[in-house]
Protein backbone atom coordinates (compact mmCIF):
# COMPACT_ATOMS: atom_id res chain seq x y z
CA MET A 1 20.10 -32.98 -31.87
CA THR A 2 18.51 -31.17 -28.97
CA SER A 3 15.65 -28.73 -29.77
CA SER A 4 17.55 -25.73 -28.48
CA ARG A 5 20.52 -26.59 -30.61
CA SER A 6 18.23 -27.12 -33.74
CA VAL A 7 16.79 -23.50 -33.16
CA ALA A 8 20.08 -22.05 -32.79
CA LEU A 9 21.39 -23.71 -36.03
CA GLY A 10 18.13 -22.82 -37.75
CA LEU A 11 18.53 -19.24 -36.82
CA PHE A 12 22.13 -19.24 -38.03
CA TRP A 13 21.27 -20.51 -41.46
CA ALA A 14 18.34 -18.17 -41.61
CA ALA A 15 20.66 -15.25 -40.81
CA ALA A 16 23.01 -16.35 -43.47
CA ALA A 17 20.46 -16.60 -46.19
CA ILE A 18 18.92 -13.18 -45.41
CA LEU A 19 22.27 -11.46 -45.32
CA ILE A 20 23.27 -13.02 -48.59
CA TRP A 21 20.04 -12.02 -50.32
CA SER A 22 20.02 -8.55 -48.91
CA GLY A 23 23.70 -8.18 -49.50
CA SER A 24 23.23 -9.17 -53.17
CA LEU A 25 20.94 -6.16 -53.77
CA VAL A 26 23.44 -3.74 -52.01
CA LEU A 27 26.41 -5.02 -54.03
CA LEU A 28 24.45 -4.81 -57.24
CA ARG A 29 23.79 -1.16 -56.34
CA LEU A 30 27.50 -0.67 -55.46
CA GLY A 31 28.60 -2.43 -58.75
CA VAL A 32 26.54 -0.27 -61.10
CA THR A 33 27.42 2.94 -59.25
CA THR A 34 31.29 2.30 -59.17
CA GLY A 35 32.19 1.21 -62.61
CA LEU A 36 30.58 -1.97 -63.72
CA THR A 37 27.61 -2.13 -65.98
CA ALA A 38 24.44 -4.27 -65.41
CA TYR A 39 25.55 -6.30 -68.32
CA ASP A 40 28.94 -7.00 -66.70
CA LEU A 41 27.27 -7.90 -63.38
CA THR A 42 24.97 -10.36 -65.02
CA ALA A 43 27.75 -12.07 -66.95
CA LEU A 44 29.82 -12.30 -63.74
CA ARG A 45 27.00 -13.89 -61.77
CA PHE A 46 26.10 -16.54 -64.48
CA GLY A 47 29.54 -17.05 -65.69
CA VAL A 48 30.68 -18.26 -62.21
CA ALA A 49 27.28 -19.95 -61.25
CA GLY A 50 26.93 -21.82 -64.56
CA ALA A 51 30.51 -23.19 -64.22
CA LEU A 52 29.85 -24.10 -60.62
CA LEU A 53 26.42 -25.87 -61.23
CA LEU A 54 27.23 -27.46 -64.40
CA PRO A 55 28.33 -30.78 -62.64
CA VAL A 56 24.96 -30.60 -60.60
CA LEU A 57 23.02 -30.28 -63.89
CA ILE A 58 24.74 -33.27 -65.46
CA ARG A 59 24.01 -35.38 -62.47
CA ARG A 60 20.39 -34.25 -61.90
CA GLY A 61 19.32 -33.15 -65.36
CA ALA A 62 18.02 -36.49 -66.33
CA GLY A 63 16.72 -37.54 -63.01
CA ALA A 64 13.25 -37.22 -61.40
CA GLY A 65 11.82 -33.68 -61.34
CA ARG A 66 13.36 -32.65 -64.51
CA PRO A 67 11.41 -29.82 -66.23
CA GLY A 68 10.49 -29.69 -69.80
CA PRO A 69 12.19 -27.49 -72.33
CA ILE A 70 9.41 -24.81 -72.35
CA SER A 71 9.54 -24.87 -68.48
CA VAL A 72 13.24 -24.47 -68.46
CA LEU A 73 13.08 -21.52 -70.90
CA LEU A 74 10.34 -19.91 -68.86
CA MET A 75 12.40 -20.20 -65.57
CA ILE A 76 15.49 -18.79 -67.30
CA THR A 77 13.46 -15.81 -68.59
CA LEU A 78 11.66 -15.23 -65.31
CA PHE A 79 14.46 -15.89 -62.80
CA GLY A 80 17.52 -16.07 -64.84
CA ALA A 81 19.83 -13.55 -66.78
CA PRO A 82 16.87 -11.35 -67.78
CA TYR A 83 15.70 -11.14 -64.25
CA VAL A 84 19.13 -10.24 -62.88
CA LEU A 85 19.90 -7.88 -65.74
CA LEU A 86 16.60 -6.03 -64.92
CA LEU A 87 17.45 -5.85 -61.35
CA SER A 88 20.87 -4.58 -61.93
CA LEU A 89 19.44 -1.91 -64.32
CA ALA A 90 16.88 -1.01 -61.64
CA VAL A 91 19.31 -0.31 -58.83
CA LYS A 92 21.30 2.01 -60.98
CA THR A 93 18.74 4.67 -60.16
CA ALA A 94 16.82 3.15 -57.40
CA PRO A 95 18.16 2.72 -53.92
CA ALA A 96 19.09 -0.77 -52.57
CA ALA A 97 16.43 -0.32 -49.70
CA ALA A 98 13.74 0.21 -52.43
CA ALA A 99 14.84 -3.04 -54.09
CA GLY A 100 14.71 -4.92 -50.81
CA ALA A 101 11.15 -3.88 -50.27
CA LEU A 102 9.67 -3.69 -53.81
CA ASN A 103 10.96 -6.81 -55.18
CA PRO A 104 9.92 -9.32 -52.55
CA GLY A 105 6.81 -7.19 -51.57
CA VAL A 106 5.33 -7.33 -55.16
CA MET A 107 6.41 -11.08 -55.44
CA ALA A 108 4.55 -12.08 -52.40
CA ILE A 109 1.36 -10.27 -53.48
CA ALA A 110 1.52 -11.51 -57.04
CA ALA A 111 2.19 -15.20 -55.80
CA ALA A 112 -0.65 -15.19 -53.44
CA LEU A 113 -3.10 -13.79 -56.05
CA MET A 114 -1.68 -16.37 -58.66
CA ALA A 115 -2.35 -19.13 -56.26
CA ARG A 116 -5.86 -17.98 -55.79
CA VAL A 117 -6.53 -17.67 -59.51
CA PHE A 118 -4.70 -20.84 -60.70
CA TYR A 119 -5.18 -23.12 -57.86
CA GLY A 120 -8.26 -21.82 -56.01
CA GLU A 121 -6.20 -21.46 -52.85
CA ALA A 122 -8.06 -19.43 -50.15
CA LEU A 123 -6.30 -16.40 -49.07
CA GLY A 124 -7.91 -16.05 -45.61
CA PRO A 125 -7.94 -13.03 -43.32
CA ALA A 126 -4.41 -13.27 -42.23
CA ARG A 127 -2.97 -13.18 -45.92
CA LEU A 128 -5.42 -10.58 -47.07
CA PHE A 129 -4.22 -8.50 -44.04
CA GLY A 130 -0.70 -9.10 -45.08
CA ILE A 131 -1.40 -8.14 -48.68
CA ALA A 132 -2.95 -5.01 -47.43
CA LEU A 133 0.21 -4.18 -45.20
CA THR A 134 2.51 -5.07 -47.92
CA ALA A 135 0.85 -2.84 -50.58
CA LEU A 136 0.82 0.05 -48.06
CA GLY A 137 4.67 -0.52 -47.63
CA VAL A 138 5.15 -0.76 -51.46
CA ALA A 139 3.29 2.53 -51.88
CA ALA A 140 5.52 4.28 -49.31
CA PHE A 141 8.43 3.65 -51.70
CA LEU A 142 6.50 5.00 -54.64
CA ARG A 143 6.25 8.52 -53.76
CA GLY A 144 8.18 11.74 -54.30
CA GLU A 145 10.19 13.05 -57.31
CA ASP A 146 12.84 10.42 -57.24
CA VAL A 147 10.55 7.59 -58.30
CA GLY A 148 11.31 6.66 -61.90
CA PHE A 149 12.28 3.81 -64.21
CA GLY A 150 14.18 1.90 -61.52
CA HIS A 151 11.23 1.57 -59.21
CA ALA A 152 8.90 0.53 -62.11
CA VAL A 153 11.46 -2.17 -63.06
CA LEU A 154 11.68 -3.50 -59.46
CA LEU A 155 7.86 -3.90 -59.51
CA ALA A 156 8.19 -5.96 -62.71
CA THR A 157 10.90 -8.08 -61.34
CA GLY A 158 8.62 -8.99 -58.38
CA VAL A 159 5.92 -10.28 -60.78
CA MET A 160 8.65 -12.20 -62.67
CA TRP A 161 9.69 -13.92 -59.30
CA ALA A 162 6.14 -14.84 -58.54
CA GLY A 163 5.90 -16.36 -61.98
CA TYR A 164 8.94 -18.32 -61.51
CA ALA A 165 7.72 -19.59 -58.15
CA ALA A 166 4.37 -20.70 -59.88
CA ILE A 167 6.25 -22.78 -62.48
CA MET A 168 8.39 -24.35 -59.78
CA ARG A 169 5.10 -25.27 -57.88
CA SER A 170 3.27 -26.63 -60.88
CA ARG A 171 6.17 -28.57 -62.18
CA ARG A 172 7.37 -29.78 -58.78
CA VAL A 173 11.01 -28.97 -59.71
CA PRO A 174 13.58 -29.57 -56.72
CA ALA A 175 15.33 -26.15 -55.77
CA LEU A 176 18.82 -27.24 -56.54
CA THR A 177 17.79 -28.77 -59.96
CA ALA A 178 16.03 -25.51 -60.92
CA THR A 179 18.96 -23.37 -59.74
CA ALA A 180 21.38 -25.54 -61.98
CA PHE A 181 19.13 -25.26 -65.06
CA ILE A 182 18.71 -21.44 -64.59
CA ALA A 183 22.48 -20.92 -63.90
CA VAL A 184 23.72 -23.12 -66.79
CA GLY A 185 21.06 -22.01 -69.18
CA SER A 186 21.48 -18.34 -68.51
CA ALA A 187 25.39 -18.75 -69.00
CA ALA A 188 24.93 -20.62 -72.37
CA LEU A 189 22.38 -18.09 -73.70
CA TYR A 190 23.54 -14.79 -72.15
CA LEU A 191 27.35 -15.02 -72.32
CA PRO A 192 27.68 -15.25 -76.08
CA VAL A 193 25.45 -12.15 -76.33
CA TYR A 194 27.34 -10.35 -73.73
CA VAL A 195 30.80 -11.10 -75.37
CA LEU A 196 29.73 -10.10 -78.99
CA ALA A 197 27.19 -7.35 -78.58
CA LEU A 198 26.60 -5.79 -75.08
CA PRO A 199 28.43 -2.78 -73.53
CA LYS A 200 31.28 -3.63 -71.17
CA GLN A 201 33.33 -1.73 -68.49
CA ILE A 202 34.87 -4.63 -66.71
CA ALA A 203 38.30 -4.10 -68.27
CA GLY A 204 38.61 -0.88 -66.43
CA VAL A 205 37.51 -2.09 -62.94
CA PRO A 206 39.92 -3.20 -60.23
CA VAL A 207 40.41 -6.99 -60.10
CA LEU A 208 39.34 -7.04 -56.47
CA THR A 209 35.96 -5.52 -57.27
CA ILE A 210 35.41 -8.19 -60.05
CA VAL A 211 36.45 -11.12 -57.72
CA LEU A 212 34.03 -9.83 -55.01
CA GLN A 213 31.02 -9.40 -57.24
CA ALA A 214 31.83 -12.82 -58.94
CA ALA A 215 32.20 -14.59 -55.64
CA PHE A 216 29.25 -13.07 -53.91
CA HIS A 217 26.69 -13.41 -56.83
CA GLY A 218 28.19 -16.45 -58.49
CA VAL A 219 28.85 -18.52 -55.40
CA LEU A 220 27.06 -17.28 -52.33
CA VAL A 221 23.74 -16.31 -53.92
CA THR A 222 23.44 -19.16 -56.23
CA THR A 223 24.48 -22.03 -53.79
CA ILE A 224 25.11 -21.04 -50.18
CA ALA A 225 21.86 -19.16 -49.86
CA VAL A 226 19.73 -21.93 -51.35
CA TYR A 227 21.26 -24.33 -49.03
CA ALA A 228 20.99 -21.99 -46.01
CA PHE A 229 17.21 -21.28 -46.82
CA SER A 230 16.50 -25.06 -47.17
CA ARG A 231 18.45 -25.98 -43.90
CA SER A 232 16.70 -23.15 -41.91
CA ALA A 233 13.30 -24.21 -43.04
CA GLU A 234 14.14 -27.86 -42.11
CA LEU A 235 15.40 -26.82 -38.53
CA LEU A 236 12.78 -24.10 -37.80
CA GLY A 237 9.91 -25.64 -39.40
CA PRO A 238 7.85 -24.65 -42.55
CA ALA A 239 6.11 -21.54 -41.12
CA ALA A 240 9.30 -19.93 -39.91
CA GLY A 241 11.18 -21.07 -43.11
CA THR A 242 8.74 -19.66 -45.57
CA SER A 243 8.58 -16.32 -43.67
CA LEU A 244 12.19 -15.70 -43.96
CA PRO A 245 11.86 -13.44 -47.04
CA ALA A 246 9.96 -11.08 -44.86
CA LEU A 247 13.15 -10.02 -43.27
CA ILE A 248 14.89 -8.82 -46.57
CA PRO A 249 13.34 -5.32 -46.44
CA VAL A 250 14.78 -4.34 -43.17
CA ALA A 251 18.07 -6.20 -43.59
CA THR A 252 18.61 -4.45 -46.99
CA LEU A 253 17.87 -1.10 -45.50
CA GLY A 254 20.29 -1.72 -42.83
CA LEU A 255 23.06 -2.85 -45.14
CA ASP A 256 22.22 0.10 -47.52
CA VAL A 257 22.99 2.46 -44.52
CA LEU A 258 26.07 0.57 -43.39
CA VAL A 259 27.76 -0.23 -46.78
CA LEU A 260 26.60 2.59 -49.20
CA GLY A 261 25.79 5.28 -46.69
CA GLU A 262 22.42 5.99 -48.24
CA ALA A 263 20.35 7.23 -45.44
CA PRO A 264 16.70 6.36 -45.75
CA ASP A 265 13.98 8.87 -45.02
CA ALA A 266 11.15 8.35 -42.56
CA GLY A 267 8.80 7.13 -45.41
CA SER A 268 11.39 4.42 -46.43
CA ILE A 269 11.70 3.11 -42.93
CA ALA A 270 7.95 2.97 -42.44
CA GLY A 271 7.54 1.26 -45.80
CA ALA A 272 10.20 -1.37 -45.05
CA GLY A 273 8.52 -2.02 -41.83
CA LEU A 274 5.22 -2.44 -43.34
CA VAL A 275 6.47 -4.73 -46.13
CA THR A 276 8.32 -6.83 -43.44
CA PHE A 277 5.15 -7.47 -41.40
CA GLY A 278 2.96 -7.86 -44.50
CA LEU A 279 5.27 -10.40 -45.96
CA ALA A 280 5.23 -12.41 -42.76
CA PHE A 281 1.46 -12.49 -42.86
CA VAL A 282 1.39 -13.25 -46.61
CA LEU A 283 4.04 -16.04 -46.57
CA ALA A 284 3.20 -17.74 -43.36
CA GLY A 285 -0.45 -16.89 -43.17
CA ARG A 286 -2.40 -18.24 -40.17
CA ALA A 287 0.66 -19.82 -38.67
CA PHE A 288 2.36 -16.47 -38.24
CA ALA A 289 -0.74 -14.79 -37.06
CA ARG A 290 -1.34 -17.55 -34.47
CA GLY A 291 2.33 -17.45 -33.32
CA LEU A 292 2.05 -13.55 -32.93
CA ARG A 293 -1.16 -13.75 -31.02
CA THR A 294 0.28 -16.33 -28.69
CA LYS A 295 3.28 -14.19 -27.93
CA LEU A 296 1.11 -11.12 -27.36
CA ILE A 297 -1.08 -13.01 -24.89
CA VAL A 298 1.84 -14.61 -23.03
CA GLY A 299 3.53 -11.21 -22.82
CA ARG A 300 0.74 -9.57 -20.97
């Protein structure tokens, strides 16, 4: 495969992953504001994903890279049903654009700090600069009278995501294996509680809405986005691949406007931009800084 074709395919898969991740936040916001409860959305996601990934778990569950039971429970807690339920509850009162910035922004900061504390990984000037930019962007969303419970929950989910990433790193669990454990484990633990005890409004929602939410969150987010991210990182290289989440804030903000019609104010636009650049520096570190510096010099 030629280099230009590899780059083109890498960008295609990168765009697919970004649109799916950003679109999932917008659809969560749409779901909880048009009839479905956060409990319904969580059930739809893991009901479909659990059934879809059960064969993967059966095939890979006993193989190399299998996490222990405590690690599995931690992964489910930090990035499974509890995580998605909290995210769904958060976007009931917080805009999707805020979720697209606060969730990955706090994740990146917390993950960098955890790597420093637990692994002694040096942050370096580029990442420290990125943390500062990201923190400023996060602060831009935490202002005004509309800030409340939803925003606080988004901050918490960012820390949960970082904790999950730390477990993945320490246990060296393959991405697809971890996704299968989380999906099937969440379905097994959450669905009985949902059916027996949690509030439901799913019966009064149009079938098309249910199918859309189930297909997007249960299929695209849990399988296609994982493949797209991995494939783009393979084609574009590790620096470009790991910096992909940096585009989630601006992509989510754009989809928020197009799909939900929630016009952002100047502070939200500035915040999304700051988080985007900050995440790129935090996630890609010196590689991103070096590439940006080279482009600036060449462009003179």
